[in-house]
C-alpha atoms as a PDB file:
ATOM      1  CA  UNK A   1     -25.978   8.676 -16.244  1.00  0.00           C
ATOM      2  CA  UNK A   2     -26.036   5.293 -14.566  1.00  0.00           C
ATOM      3  CA  UNK A   3     -24.718   4.465 -11.122  1.00  0.00           C
ATOM      4  CA  UNK A   4     -21.341   2.728 -10.945  1.00  0.00           C
ATOM      5  CA  UNK A   5     -21.449  -1.024 -10.578  1.00  0.00           C
ATOM      6  CA  UNK A   6     -20.595  -2.641  -7.239  1.00  0.00           C
ATOM      7  CA  UNK A   7     -17.394  -4.047  -8.769  1.00  0.00           C
ATOM      8  CA  UNK A   8     -16.308  -0.561  -9.860  1.00  0.00           C
ATOM      9  CA  UNK A   9     -16.979   0.741  -6.353  1.00  0.00           C
ATOM     10  CA  UNK A  10     -14.926  -2.118  -4.913  1.00  0.00           C
ATOM     11  CA  UNK A  11     -12.036  -1.286  -7.247  1.00  0.00           C
ATOM     12  CA  UNK A  12     -12.137   2.348  -6.131  1.00  0.00           C
ATOM     13  CA  UNK A  13     -12.245   1.394  -2.450  1.00  0.00           C
ATOM     14  CA  UNK A  14      -9.321  -1.021  -2.827  1.00  0.00           C
ATOM     15  CA  UNK A  15      -7.281   1.560  -4.749  1.00  0.00           C
ATOM     16  CA  UNK A  16      -7.858   4.136  -1.988  1.00  0.00           C
ATOM     17  CA  UNK A  17      -6.777   1.592   0.613  1.00  0.00           C
ATOM     18  CA  UNK A  18      -3.546   0.894  -1.300  1.00  0.00           C
ATOM     19  CA  UNK A  19      -2.875   4.629  -1.589  1.00  0.00           C
ATOM     20  CA  UNK A  20      -3.325   5.107   2.158  1.00  0.00           C
ATOM     21  CA  UNK A  21      -1.065   2.143   2.934  1.00  0.00           C
ATOM     22  CA  UNK A  22       1.689   3.465   0.654  1.00  0.00           C
ATOM     23  CA  UNK A  23       1.465   7.000   2.049  1.00  0.00           C
ATOM     24  CA  UNK A  24       1.254   5.792   5.648  1.00  0.00           C
ATOM     25  CA  UNK A  25       4.150   3.414   5.182  1.00  0.00           C
ATOM     26  CA  UNK A  26       6.338   6.181   3.805  1.00  0.00           C
ATOM     27  CA  UNK A  27       5.491   8.503   6.691  1.00  0.00           C
ATOM     28  CA  UNK A  28       6.037   5.817   9.328  1.00  0.00           C
ATOM     29  CA  UNK A  29       9.239   4.595   7.676  1.00  0.00           C
ATOM     30  CA  UNK A  30      10.742   8.092   7.482  1.00  0.00           C
ATOM     31  CA  UNK A  31       9.643   8.807  11.042  1.00  0.00           C
ATOM     32  CA  UNK A  32      11.115   5.518  12.242  1.00  0.00           C
ATOM     33  CA  UNK A  33      14.423   6.253  10.528  1.00  0.00           C
ATOM     34  CA  UNK A  34      14.552   9.727  12.035  1.00  0.00           C
ATOM     35  CA  UNK A  35      13.549   8.519  15.487  1.00  0.00           C
ATOM     36  CA  UNK A  36      16.025   5.648  15.330  1.00  0.00           C
ATOM     37  CA  UNK A  37      18.820   8.093  14.554  1.00  0.00           C
ATOM     38  CA  UNK A  38      17.820  10.455  17.350  1.00  0.00           C
ATOM     39  CA  UNK A  39      17.502   7.644  19.898  1.00  0.00           C
ATOM     40  CA  UNK A  40      20.678   5.916  18.780  1.00  0.00           C
ATOM     41  CA  UNK A  41      18.935   2.601  18.126  1.00  0.00           C
ATOM     42  CA  UNK A  42      21.045  -0.335  17.065  1.00  0.00           C
ATOM     43  CA  UNK A  43      21.140  -1.065  13.354  1.00  0.00           C
ATOM     44  CA  UNK A  44      19.218  -4.319  13.802  1.00  0.00           C
ATOM     45  CA  UNK A  45      16.176  -2.460  15.148  1.00  0.00           C
ATOM     46  CA  UNK A  46      16.294   0.118  12.360  1.00  0.00           C
ATOM     47  CA  UNK A  47      16.606  -2.775   9.901  1.00  0.00           C
ATOM     48  CA  UNK A  48      13.342  -4.187  11.289  1.00  0.00           C
ATOM     49  CA  UNK A  49      11.645  -0.914  10.394  1.00  0.00           C
ATOM     50  CA  UNK A  50      13.039  -1.278   6.865  1.00  0.00           C
ATOM     51  CA  UNK A  51      11.747  -4.848   6.607  1.00  0.00           C
ATOM     52  CA  UNK A  52       8.293  -3.831   7.814  1.00  0.00           C
ATOM     53  CA  UNK A  53       8.192  -1.058   5.189  1.00  0.00           C
ATOM     54  CA  UNK A  54       9.296  -3.487   2.483  1.00  0.00           C
ATOM     55  CA  UNK A  55       6.569  -5.910   3.513  1.00  0.00           C
ATOM     56  CA  UNK A  56       3.931  -3.166   3.331  1.00  0.00           C
ATOM     57  CA  UNK A  57       5.176  -2.046  -0.092  1.00  0.00           C
ATOM     58  CA  UNK A  58       5.184  -5.616  -1.366  1.00  0.00           C
ATOM     59  CA  UNK A  59       1.613  -6.069  -0.127  1.00  0.00           C
ATOM     60  CA  UNK A  60       0.609  -2.843  -1.884  1.00  0.00           C
ATOM     61  CA  UNK A  61       2.259  -4.062  -5.103  1.00  0.00           C
ATOM     62  CA  UNK A  62       0.389  -7.371  -4.979  1.00  0.00           C
ATOM     63  CA  UNK A  63      -2.954  -5.703  -4.277  1.00  0.00           C
ATOM     64  CA  UNK A  64      -2.332  -3.150  -7.037  1.00  0.00           C
ATOM     65  CA  UNK A  65      -1.703  -5.995  -9.471  1.00  0.00           C
ATOM     66  CA  UNK A  66      -4.942  -7.669  -8.367  1.00  0.00           C
ATOM     67  CA  UNK A  67      -6.840  -4.403  -8.865  1.00  0.00           C
ATOM     68  CA  UNK A  68      -5.345  -4.043 -12.332  1.00  0.00           C
ATOM     69  CA  UNK A  69      -6.383  -7.588 -13.268  1.00  0.00           C
ATOM     70  CA  UNK A  70      -9.925  -7.110 -11.946  1.00  0.00           C
ATOM     71  CA  UNK A  71     -10.198  -3.766 -13.754  1.00  0.00           C
ATOM     72  CA  UNK A  72      -9.233  -5.409 -17.043  1.00  0.00           C
ATOM     73  CA  UNK A  73     -11.871  -8.120 -16.591  1.00  0.00           C
ATOM     74  CA  UNK A  74     -14.566  -5.569 -15.632  1.00  0.00           C
ATOM     75  CA  UNK A  75     -13.940  -3.507 -18.756  1.00  0.00           C
ATOM     76  CA  UNK A  76     -13.842  -6.590 -20.993  1.00  0.00           C
ATOM     77  CA  UNK A  77     -17.146  -7.759 -19.584  1.00  0.00           C
ATOM     78  CA  UNK A  78     -15.821 -11.142 -18.368  1.00  0.00           C
END
């Protein structure tokens, strides 16, 4: 059995990073919503938490697409 190529290792590392960002964003977003409700924060501050979560999810979507494209090229041999 041969060792994985450096590109395959990079794909795995990037996929793990995306998974951690998605999971962390969800936890922080839910915690921010809960904390905002308990503290009675104004809606504009809670909305900032929503925007930050959306930005993180959009970043994760873009990186996931890039991983998918690189994975296709690795398996095609290009």
